[in-house]
Structure formats: structure tokens, C-alpha cells
PDB file of N, CA and C in Angstrom:
ATOM      1  N   UNK A   1      -4.527  -2.952 -31.934  1.00  0.00           N
ATOM      2  CA  UNK A   1      -4.755  -1.309 -32.783  1.00  0.00           C
ATOM      3  C   UNK A   1      -4.799  -1.177 -31.000  1.00  0.00           C
ATOM      4  N   UNK A   2      -4.054   0.917 -30.689  1.00  0.00           N
ATOM      5  CA  UNK A   2      -3.798   1.110 -30.265  1.00  0.00           C
ATOM      6  C   UNK A   2      -5.532   1.417 -29.803  1.00  0.00           C
ATOM      7  N   UNK A   3      -6.358   2.061 -29.324  1.00  0.00           N
ATOM      8  CA  UNK A   3      -7.646   3.248 -28.777  1.00  0.00           C
ATOM      9  C   UNK A   3      -6.815   4.903 -29.377  1.00  0.00           C
ATOM     10  N   UNK A   4      -7.494   5.722 -29.819  1.00  0.00           N
ATOM     11  CA  UNK A   4      -7.544   6.755 -30.230  1.00  0.00           C
ATOM     12  C   UNK A   4      -7.368   7.124 -28.724  1.00  0.00           C
ATOM     13  N   UNK A   5      -6.551   8.528 -28.607  1.00  0.00           N
ATOM     14  CA  UNK A   5      -6.928   9.650 -27.117  1.00  0.00           C
ATOM     15  C   UNK A   5      -8.268  10.096 -27.842  1.00  0.00           C
ATOM     16  N   UNK A   6      -8.713  11.406 -26.562  1.00  0.00           N
ATOM     17  CA  UNK A   6      -9.601  11.996 -27.073  1.00  0.00           C
ATOM     18  C   UNK A   6      -8.558  13.263 -26.531  1.00  0.00           C
ATOM     19  N   UNK A   7      -9.250  14.368 -28.226  1.00  0.00           N
ATOM     20  CA  UNK A   7      -8.233  15.797 -28.246  1.00  0.00           C
ATOM     21  C   UNK A   7      -9.004  16.203 -26.427  1.00  0.00           C
ATOM     22  N   UNK A   8     -10.218  16.438 -26.676  1.00  0.00           N
ATOM     23  CA  UNK A   8      -9.866  17.026 -25.128  1.00  0.00           C
ATOM     24  C   UNK A   8      -9.674  16.546 -23.920  1.00  0.00           C
ATOM     25  N   UNK A   9      -8.771  15.310 -23.638  1.00  0.00           N
ATOM     26  CA  UNK A   9      -7.795  15.060 -22.802  1.00  0.00           C
ATOM     27  C   UNK A   9      -6.913  15.344 -22.967  1.00  0.00           C
ATOM     28  N   UNK A  10      -6.581  16.001 -21.744  1.00  0.00           N
ATOM     29  CA  UNK A  10      -4.791  16.856 -21.753  1.00  0.00           C
ATOM     30  C   UNK A  10      -4.229  15.864 -21.363  1.00  0.00           C
ATOM     31  N   UNK A  11      -3.028  15.684 -20.876  1.00  0.00           N
ATOM     32  CA  UNK A  11      -1.642  14.676 -20.869  1.00  0.00           C
ATOM     33  C   UNK A  11      -1.568  14.704 -19.219  1.00  0.00           C
ATOM     34  N   UNK A  12      -2.032  16.093 -18.224  1.00  0.00           N
ATOM     35  CA  UNK A  12      -2.056  16.102 -17.073  1.00  0.00           C
ATOM     36  C   UNK A  12      -3.646  15.828 -16.762  1.00  0.00           C
ATOM     37  N   UNK A  13      -4.046  15.223 -17.023  1.00  0.00           N
ATOM     38  CA  UNK A  13      -6.080  15.262 -16.551  1.00  0.00           C
ATOM     39  C   UNK A  13      -5.668  14.424 -15.059  1.00  0.00           C
ATOM     40  N   UNK A  14      -7.190  14.435 -14.909  1.00  0.00           N
ATOM     41  CA  UNK A  14      -7.391  13.885 -13.787  1.00  0.00           C
ATOM     42  C   UNK A  14      -7.047  12.903 -12.853  1.00  0.00           C
ATOM     43  N   UNK A  15      -6.691  12.391 -13.814  1.00  0.00           N
ATOM     44  CA  UNK A  15      -5.902  10.284 -13.411  1.00  0.00           C
ATOM     45  C   UNK A  15      -5.074  10.747 -13.036  1.00  0.00           C
ATOM     46  N   UNK A  16      -3.588  11.498 -13.899  1.00  0.00           N
ATOM     47  CA  UNK A  16      -2.566  10.914 -13.735  1.00  0.00           C
ATOM     48  C   UNK A  16      -2.236  11.111 -11.848  1.00  0.00           C
ATOM     49  N   UNK A  17      -0.681  10.757 -11.801  1.00  0.00           N
ATOM     50  CA  UNK A  17      -0.243   9.830 -10.426  1.00  0.00           C
ATOM     51  C   UNK A  17      -0.408  11.768  -9.751  1.00  0.00           C
ATOM     52  N   UNK A  18       0.396  12.229 -10.688  1.00  0.00           N
ATOM     53  CA  UNK A  18       0.532  14.466  -9.958  1.00  0.00           C
ATOM     54  C   UNK A  18      -1.089  15.218  -9.816  1.00  0.00           C
ATOM     55  N   UNK A  19      -1.213  14.563  -8.952  1.00  0.00           N
ATOM     56  CA  UNK A  19      -2.764  15.550  -9.475  1.00  0.00           C
ATOM     57  C   UNK A  19      -3.523  15.184  -8.012  1.00  0.00           C
ATOM     58  N   UNK A  20      -4.013  16.024  -7.664  1.00  0.00           N
ATOM     59  CA  UNK A  20      -4.825  15.493  -6.455  1.00  0.00           C
ATOM     60  C   UNK A  20      -5.514  14.278  -5.931  1.00  0.00           C
ATOM     61  N   UNK A  21      -6.506  14.400  -6.869  1.00  0.00           N
ATOM     62  CA  UNK A  21      -7.129  12.102  -7.365  1.00  0.00           C
ATOM     63  C   UNK A  21      -5.598  11.581  -7.674  1.00  0.00           C
ATOM     64  N   UNK A  22      -4.877  11.725  -8.564  1.00  0.00           N
ATOM     65  CA  UNK A  22      -3.836  10.504  -8.010  1.00  0.00           C
ATOM     66  C   UNK A  22      -3.498  10.348  -6.677  1.00  0.00           C
ATOM     67  N   UNK A  23      -3.398  11.140  -5.714  1.00  0.00           N
ATOM     68  CA  UNK A  23      -2.946  11.995  -5.109  1.00  0.00           C
ATOM     69  C   UNK A  23      -3.273  11.217  -4.020  1.00  0.00           C
ATOM     70  N   UNK A  24      -4.844  11.635  -3.766  1.00  0.00           N
ATOM     71  CA  UNK A  24      -6.109  10.137  -3.112  1.00  0.00           C
ATOM     72  C   UNK A  24      -5.944   8.961  -3.857  1.00  0.00           C
ATOM     73  N   UNK A  25      -5.650   8.555  -4.553  1.00  0.00           N
ATOM     74  CA  UNK A  25      -6.002   7.099  -5.192  1.00  0.00           C
ATOM     75  C   UNK A  25      -5.122   6.639  -4.571  1.00  0.00           C
ATOM     76  N   UNK A  26      -3.534   7.228  -4.116  1.00  0.00           N
ATOM     77  CA  UNK A  26      -2.441   6.483  -3.629  1.00  0.00           C
ATOM     78  C   UNK A  26      -2.370   5.614  -2.823  1.00  0.00           C
ATOM     79  N   UNK A  27      -2.631   7.660  -1.679  1.00  0.00           N
ATOM     80  CA  UNK A  27      -2.890   7.568  -0.257  1.00  0.00           C
ATOM     81  C   UNK A  27      -3.517   5.947   0.342  1.00  0.00           C
ATOM     82  N   UNK A  28      -5.038   5.799  -0.721  1.00  0.00           N
ATOM     83  CA  UNK A  28      -5.899   4.673  -0.586  1.00  0.00           C
ATOM     84  C   UNK A  28      -5.131   3.464  -0.676  1.00  0.00           C
ATOM     85  N   UNK A  29      -4.562   3.009  -1.323  1.00  0.00           N
ATOM     86  CA  UNK A  29      -3.201   1.538  -1.327  1.00  0.00           C
ATOM     87  C   UNK A  29      -2.675   2.001  -0.415  1.00  0.00           C
ATOM     88  N   UNK A  30      -1.923   2.683   0.131  1.00  0.00           N
ATOM     89  CA  UNK A  30      -0.736   2.634   1.182  1.00  0.00           C
ATOM     90  C   UNK A  30      -2.034   2.626   2.388  1.00  0.00           C
ATOM     91  N   UNK A  31      -3.566   3.117   2.685  1.00  0.00           N
ATOM     92  CA  UNK A  31      -4.154   3.011   4.073  1.00  0.00           C
ATOM     93  C   UNK A  31      -4.127   1.282   4.386  1.00  0.00           C
ATOM     94  N   UNK A  32      -4.676   1.093   2.671  1.00  0.00           N
ATOM     95  CA  UNK A  32      -4.578  -0.858   2.482  1.00  0.00           C
ATOM     96  C   UNK A  32      -4.329  -1.437   2.512  1.00  0.00           C
ATOM     97  N   UNK A  33      -2.571  -0.937   2.359  1.00  0.00           N
ATOM     98  CA  UNK A  33      -1.436  -1.826   3.077  1.00  0.00           C
ATOM     99  C   UNK A  33      -1.507  -1.770   4.628  1.00  0.00           C
ATOM    100  N   UNK A  34      -2.022  -0.144   4.703  1.00  0.00           N
ATOM    101  CA  UNK A  34      -1.202  -1.190   6.610  1.00  0.00           C
ATOM    102  C   UNK A  34      -2.109  -1.991   6.931  1.00  0.00           C
ATOM    103  N   UNK A  35      -3.931  -1.755   6.524  1.00  0.00           N
ATOM    104  CA  UNK A  35      -4.576  -2.032   7.476  1.00  0.00           C
ATOM    105  C   UNK A  35      -4.325  -4.176   7.166  1.00  0.00           C
ATOM    106  N   UNK A  36      -3.640  -4.092   5.521  1.00  0.00           N
ATOM    107  CA  UNK A  36      -3.306  -5.779   5.294  1.00  0.00           C
ATOM    108  C   UNK A  36      -2.320  -5.897   6.217  1.00  0.00           C
ATOM    109  N   UNK A  37      -1.209  -5.165   6.337  1.00  0.00           N
ATOM    110  CA  UNK A  37      -0.263  -5.679   7.126  1.00  0.00           C
ATOM    111  C   UNK A  37      -0.778  -5.891   8.837  1.00  0.00           C
ATOM    112  N   UNK A  38      -1.793  -4.668   9.156  1.00  0.00           N
ATOM    113  CA  UNK A  38      -2.106  -4.977  10.613  1.00  0.00           C
ATOM    114  C   UNK A  38      -2.944  -6.227  10.815  1.00  0.00           C
ATOM    115  N   UNK A  39      -3.821  -6.839   9.793  1.00  0.00           N
ATOM    116  CA  UNK A  39      -4.706  -8.097   9.793  1.00  0.00           C
ATOM    117  C   UNK A  39      -3.257  -9.443   9.642  1.00  0.00           C
ATOM    118  N   UNK A  40      -2.385  -9.464   8.960  1.00  0.00           N
ATOM    119  CA  UNK A  40      -1.484 -10.418   8.585  1.00  0.00           C
ATOM    120  C   UNK A  40      -1.110 -10.193  10.227  1.00  0.00           C
ATOM    121  N   UNK A  41      -0.441  -9.679  10.371  1.00  0.00           N
ATOM    122  CA  UNK A  41       0.448  -8.963  12.154  1.00  0.00           C
ATOM    123  C   UNK A  41      -0.167  -9.831  12.893  1.00  0.00           C
ATOM    124  N   UNK A  42      -1.522  -9.474  12.908  1.00  0.00           N
ATOM    125  CA  UNK A  42      -2.300 -10.431  14.058  1.00  0.00           C
ATOM    126  C   UNK A  42      -2.484 -11.471  14.097  1.00  0.00           C
ATOM    127  N   UNK A  43      -2.824 -12.082  12.762  1.00  0.00           N
ATOM    128  CA  UNK A  43      -2.640 -13.438  12.019  1.00  0.00           C
ATOM    129  C   UNK A  43      -1.878 -14.747  12.626  1.00  0.00           C
ATOM    130  N   UNK A  44      -0.284 -13.376  12.271  1.00  0.00           N
ATOM    131  CA  UNK A  44       1.219 -14.248  12.435  1.00  0.00           C
ATOM    132  C   UNK A  44       1.256 -14.834  14.346  1.00  0.00           C
ATOM    133  N   UNK A  45       0.796 -13.502  14.694  1.00  0.00           N
ATOM    134  CA  UNK A  45       0.957 -13.941  16.405  1.00  0.00           C
ATOM    135  C   UNK A  45       0.230 -14.606  16.769  1.00  0.00           C
ATOM    136  N   UNK A  46      -1.452 -14.209  15.980  1.00  0.00           N
ATOM    137  CA  UNK A  46      -2.292 -15.838  17.038  1.00  0.00           C
ATOM    138  C   UNK A  46      -1.668 -16.519  16.104  1.00  0.00           C
ATOM    139  N   UNK A  47      -2.008 -17.302  15.664  1.00  0.00           N
ATOM    140  CA  UNK A  47      -0.693 -18.565  14.528  1.00  0.00           C
ATOM    141  C   UNK A  47       0.661 -19.278  15.078  1.00  0.00           C
ATOM    142  N   UNK A  48       1.484 -18.383  15.212  1.00  0.00           N
ATOM    143  CA  UNK A  48       2.859 -18.959  16.213  1.00  0.00           C
ATOM    144  C   UNK A  48       3.019 -18.082  16.956  1.00  0.00           C
ATOM    145  N   UNK A  49       3.265 -19.756  17.965  1.00  0.00           N
ATOM    146  CA  UNK A  49       3.794 -19.629  19.422  1.00  0.00           C
ATOM    147  C   UNK A  49       4.726 -18.950  19.235  1.00  0.00           C
ATOM    148  N   UNK A  50       6.059 -18.880  18.787  1.00  0.00           N
ATOM    149  CA  UNK A  50       6.942 -18.732  18.138  1.00  0.00           C
ATOM    150  C   UNK A  50       7.495 -17.200  17.975  1.00  0.00           C
ATOM    151  N   UNK A  51       6.396 -16.849  17.722  1.00  0.00           N
ATOM    152  CA  UNK A  51       5.995 -15.295  17.759  1.00  0.00           C
ATOM    153  C   UNK A  51       6.142 -14.827  18.746  1.00  0.00           C
ATOM    154  N   UNK A  52       5.330 -15.334  19.392  1.00  0.00           N
ATOM    155  CA  UNK A  52       4.745 -14.349  20.573  1.00  0.00           C
ATOM    156  C   UNK A  52       5.664 -14.677  21.669  1.00  0.00           C
ATOM    157  N   UNK A  53       5.986 -15.964  21.719  1.00  0.00           N
ATOM    158  CA  UNK A  53       7.863 -15.649  22.509  1.00  0.00           C
ATOM    159  C   UNK A  53       8.799 -15.038  22.402  1.00  0.00           C
ATOM    160  N   UNK A  54       9.129 -14.575  21.320  1.00  0.00           N
ATOM    161  CA  UNK A  54      10.302 -13.857  20.864  1.00  0.00           C
ATOM    162  C   UNK A  54      10.045 -12.199  21.229  1.00  0.00           C
ATOM    163  N   UNK A  55       8.737 -11.913  21.437  1.00  0.00           N
ATOM    164  CA  UNK A  55       7.147 -10.795  21.866  1.00  0.00           C
ATOM    165  C   UNK A  55       7.204 -10.535  23.126  1.00  0.00           C
ATOM    166  N   UNK A  56       7.049 -11.576  23.668  1.00  0.00           N
ATOM    167  CA  UNK A  56       7.566 -11.698  25.036  1.00  0.00           C
ATOM    168  C   UNK A  56       8.611 -11.154  25.814  1.00  0.00           C
ATOM    169  N   UNK A  57       9.670 -12.099  25.304  1.00  0.00           N
ATOM    170  CA  UNK A  57      11.524 -11.559  26.008  1.00  0.00           C
ATOM    171  C   UNK A  57      11.261 -10.317  25.195  1.00  0.00           C
ATOM    172  N   UNK A  58      11.050  -9.770  24.335  1.00  0.00           N
ATOM    173  CA  UNK A  58      12.004  -8.780  23.682  1.00  0.00           C
ATOM    174  C   UNK A  58      11.220  -7.280  24.653  1.00  0.00           C
ATOM    175  N   UNK A  59       9.888  -7.223  24.865  1.00  0.00           N
ATOM    176  CA  UNK A  59       9.198  -6.127  25.822  1.00  0.00           C
ATOM    177  C   UNK A  59       8.092  -5.728  25.139  1.00  0.00           C
ATOM    178  N   UNK A  60       7.463  -4.009  25.464  1.00  0.00           N
ATOM    179  CA  UNK A  60       6.651  -3.648  25.126  1.00  0.00           C
ATOM    180  C   UNK A  60       7.074  -3.365  23.875  1.00  0.00           C
ATOM    181  N   UNK A  61       8.684  -2.476  23.712  1.00  0.00           N
ATOM    182  CA  UNK A  61       9.226  -2.314  22.447  1.00  0.00           C
ATOM    183  C   UNK A  61       9.785  -2.079  21.474  1.00  0.00           C
ATOM    184  N   UNK A  62       9.734  -4.065  21.170  1.00  0.00           N
ATOM    185  CA  UNK A  62       9.858  -4.788  20.251  1.00  0.00           C
ATOM    186  C   UNK A  62       8.853  -5.537  19.780  1.00  0.00           C
ATOM    187  N   UNK A  63       7.167  -4.890  20.238  1.00  0.00           N
ATOM    188  CA  UNK A  63       5.712  -5.161  20.080  1.00  0.00           C
ATOM    189  C   UNK A  63       5.755  -4.457  19.048  1.00  0.00           C
ATOM    190  N   UNK A  64       6.267  -3.123  19.798  1.00  0.00           N
ATOM    191  CA  UNK A  64       5.930  -1.365  18.596  1.00  0.00           C
ATOM    192  C   UNK A  64       6.282  -2.053  17.233  1.00  0.00           C
ATOM    193  N   UNK A  65       8.068  -2.122  17.601  1.00  0.00           N
ATOM    194  CA  UNK A  65       9.054  -1.960  15.848  1.00  0.00           C
ATOM    195  C   UNK A  65       8.210  -3.191  15.373  1.00  0.00           C
ATOM    196  N   UNK A  66       7.886  -4.350  15.481  1.00  0.00           N
ATOM    197  CA  UNK A  66       7.321  -5.728  15.446  1.00  0.00           C
ATOM    198  C   UNK A  66       6.193  -5.470  13.755  1.00  0.00           C
ATOM    199  N   UNK A  67       4.936  -4.657  14.452  1.00  0.00           N
ATOM    200  CA  UNK A  67       4.346  -4.259  14.032  1.00  0.00           C
ATOM    201  C   UNK A  67       4.231  -3.410  13.559  1.00  0.00           C
ATOM    202  N   UNK A  68       5.085  -2.061  13.785  1.00  0.00           N
ATOM    203  CA  UNK A  68       5.794  -0.934  13.127  1.00  0.00           C
ATOM    204  C   UNK A  68       6.229  -1.377  11.267  1.00  0.00           C
ATOM    205  N   UNK A  69       7.403  -2.390  11.389  1.00  0.00           N
ATOM    206  CA  UNK A  69       7.786  -2.544  10.720  1.00  0.00           C
ATOM    207  C   UNK A  69       6.990  -3.627   9.833  1.00  0.00           C
ATOM    208  N   UNK A  70       5.733  -4.638   9.681  1.00  0.00           N
ATOM    209  CA  UNK A  70       4.950  -4.918   9.375  1.00  0.00           C
ATOM    210  C   UNK A  70       4.461  -4.180   8.827  1.00  0.00           C
ATOM    211  N   UNK A  71       4.047  -3.052   9.254  1.00  0.00           N
ATOM    212  CA  UNK A  71       2.251  -2.007   8.666  1.00  0.00           C
ATOM    213  C   UNK A  71       3.498  -1.466   7.830  1.00  0.00           C
ATOM    214  N   UNK A  72       4.748  -0.988   7.903  1.00  0.00           N
ATOM    215  CA  UNK A  72       5.070  -0.480   6.827  1.00  0.00           C
ATOM    216  C   UNK A  72       5.382  -1.001   5.849  1.00  0.00           C
ATOM    217  N   UNK A  73       6.201  -2.009   5.920  1.00  0.00           N
ATOM    218  CA  UNK A  73       6.484  -2.498   4.582  1.00  0.00           C
ATOM    219  C   UNK A  73       5.080  -2.950   3.615  1.00  0.00           C
ATOM    220  N   UNK A  74       4.038  -3.868   4.521  1.00  0.00           N
ATOM    221  CA  UNK A  74       2.949  -3.646   3.628  1.00  0.00           C
ATOM    222  C   UNK A  74       2.435  -2.765   2.954  1.00  0.00           C
ATOM    223  N   UNK A  75       3.051  -1.433   3.814  1.00  0.00           N
ATOM    224  CA  UNK A  75       2.319  -0.113   3.106  1.00  0.00           C
ATOM    225  C   UNK A  75       2.601   0.417   2.134  1.00  0.00           C
ATOM    226  N   UNK A  76       4.236   0.051   2.277  1.00  0.00           N
ATOM    227  CA  UNK A  76       5.081   0.274   0.637  1.00  0.00           C
ATOM    228  C   UNK A  76       4.927  -0.276  -0.545  1.00  0.00           C
ATOM    229  N   UNK A  77       4.659  -2.031   0.602  1.00  0.00           N
ATOM    230  CA  UNK A  77       4.246  -2.395  -1.204  1.00  0.00           C
ATOM    231  C   UNK A  77       3.145  -1.919  -1.628  1.00  0.00           C
ATOM    232  N   UNK A  78       2.198  -2.147  -1.330  1.00  0.00           N
ATOM    233  CA  UNK A  78       0.348  -1.249  -1.371  1.00  0.00           C
ATOM    234  C   UNK A  78       1.455  -0.158  -1.931  1.00  0.00           C
ATOM    235  N   UNK A  79       1.318   0.693  -1.395  1.00  0.00           N
ATOM    236  CA  UNK A  79       2.039   2.058  -2.746  1.00  0.00           C
ATOM    237  C   UNK A  79       2.443   1.715  -3.776  1.00  0.00           C
ATOM    238  N   UNK A  80       3.079   0.908  -3.979  1.00  0.00           N
ATOM    239  CA  UNK A  80       4.740   0.658  -4.941  1.00  0.00           C
ATOM    240  C   UNK A  80       2.559   0.111  -6.646  1.00  0.00           C
ATOM    241  N   UNK A  81       3.382  -0.801  -5.608  1.00  0.00           N
ATOM    242  CA  UNK A  81       1.808  -1.670  -6.569  1.00  0.00           C
ATOM    243  C   UNK A  81       0.417  -0.695  -7.170  1.00  0.00           C
ATOM    244  N   UNK A  82       0.345   0.640  -6.064  1.00  0.00           N
ATOM    245  CA  UNK A  82      -0.325   1.259  -6.670  1.00  0.00           C
ATOM    246  C   UNK A  82       0.249   2.412  -7.955  1.00  0.00           C
ATOM    247  N   UNK A  83       1.243   2.424  -7.073  1.00  0.00           N
ATOM    248  CA  UNK A  83       1.633   3.766  -8.468  1.00  0.00           C
ATOM    249  C   UNK A  83       1.680   2.937  -9.953  1.00  0.00           C
ATOM    250  N   UNK A  84       1.687   1.279 -10.046  1.00  0.00           N
ATOM    251  CA  UNK A  84       1.686   0.584 -11.413  1.00  0.00           C
ATOM    252  C   UNK A  84       0.303   0.869 -11.864  1.00  0.00           C
ATOM    253  N   UNK A  85      -0.772   0.414 -10.581  1.00  0.00           N
ATOM    254  CA  UNK A  85      -1.878   0.360 -11.565  1.00  0.00           C
ATOM    255  C   UNK A  85      -2.384   1.720 -11.893  1.00  0.00           C
ATOM    256  N   UNK A  86      -1.997   2.766 -11.160  1.00  0.00           N
ATOM    257  CA  UNK A  86      -2.891   4.042 -11.904  1.00  0.00           C
ATOM    258  C   UNK A  86      -1.792   5.034 -13.263  1.00  0.00           C
ATOM    259  N   UNK A  87      -0.467   4.338 -13.645  1.00  0.00           N
ATOM    260  CA  UNK A  87       0.299   4.189 -14.445  1.00  0.00           C
ATOM    261  C   UNK A  87       0.762   3.785 -15.343  1.00  0.00           C
ATOM    262  N   UNK A  88      -0.619   2.116 -15.395  1.00  0.00           N
ATOM    263  CA  UNK A  88      -1.596   1.905 -16.605  1.00  0.00           C
ATOM    264  C   UNK A  88      -2.057   2.215 -16.652  1.00  0.00           C
ATOM    265  N   UNK A  89      -2.897   2.511 -15.657  1.00  0.00           N
ATOM    266  CA  UNK A  89      -4.676   3.396 -16.112  1.00  0.00           C
ATOM    267  C   UNK A  89      -4.756   4.499 -16.851  1.00  0.00           C
ATOM    268  N   UNK A  90      -3.489   5.320 -16.776  1.00  0.00           N
ATOM    269  CA  UNK A  90      -3.269   6.814 -17.728  1.00  0.00           C
ATOM    270  C   UNK A  90      -3.300   5.886 -19.090  1.00  0.00           C
ATOM    271  N   UNK A  91      -2.111   5.199 -18.418  1.00  0.00           N
ATOM    272  CA  UNK A  91      -2.003   4.872 -20.351  1.00  0.00           C
ATOM    273  C   UNK A  91      -2.896   3.731 -21.458  1.00  0.00           C
ATOM    274  N   UNK A  92      -3.323   3.480 -20.703  1.00  0.00           N
ATOM    275  CA  UNK A  92      -5.495   2.597 -21.160  1.00  0.00           C
ATOM    276  C   UNK A  92      -5.953   3.823 -22.063  1.00  0.00           C
ATOM    277  N   UNK A  93      -6.299   4.900 -20.437  1.00  0.00           N
ATOM    278  CA  UNK A  93      -7.191   6.218 -21.583  1.00  0.00           C
ATOM    279  C   UNK A  93      -6.798   6.693 -22.189  1.00  0.00           C
TER     280      UNK A  93
END
């Protein structure tokens, strides 16, 4: 059985995705993903000597591209997950 929605709540409430609160929530998820990407990249570099060897042969540009790729991948994944969380939160309330 579904819970009834309160009559005072509009469809474009402050917790929806397209609102200042929703954008802040989405940016928070993206920043958490970027931080996790940095931590994972550091752990991968410290734990895997083959990655260090590849980065040494590639030079400074290769290291920047590697870190940027990992951070971007994690940030996009966390943002997409954040969209799902925000939309499911709206459906529940």
C-alpha cells in the first residue's frame, strides 16, 4: 500500500533533482566520487608496481591523464548513482 502524498507538497518540491537543493545533492555525490577516485588511484599506484612502471615510462603527462581518467570515471559513476538516489527519494515521499 502506498503512502498518501501530503496536499501541501508540490510536484516541484525542494528535494527534486531540478532545484537548488537537488543540484547541491548531485554535486555532493560527484565530489564524493572524485575523492574516492583519488583514493583508489593512490591505492592502485602504491599497491601495484606495474602501474608505477607504466607511469614512469609515460612521463608526467601519462600520470596526469591516468589520475584524471580515474577521478572522472568515479565522479560520473557517483553522479549517476546520486541521480537514482534523489529520484527514488522523491518517489518515496
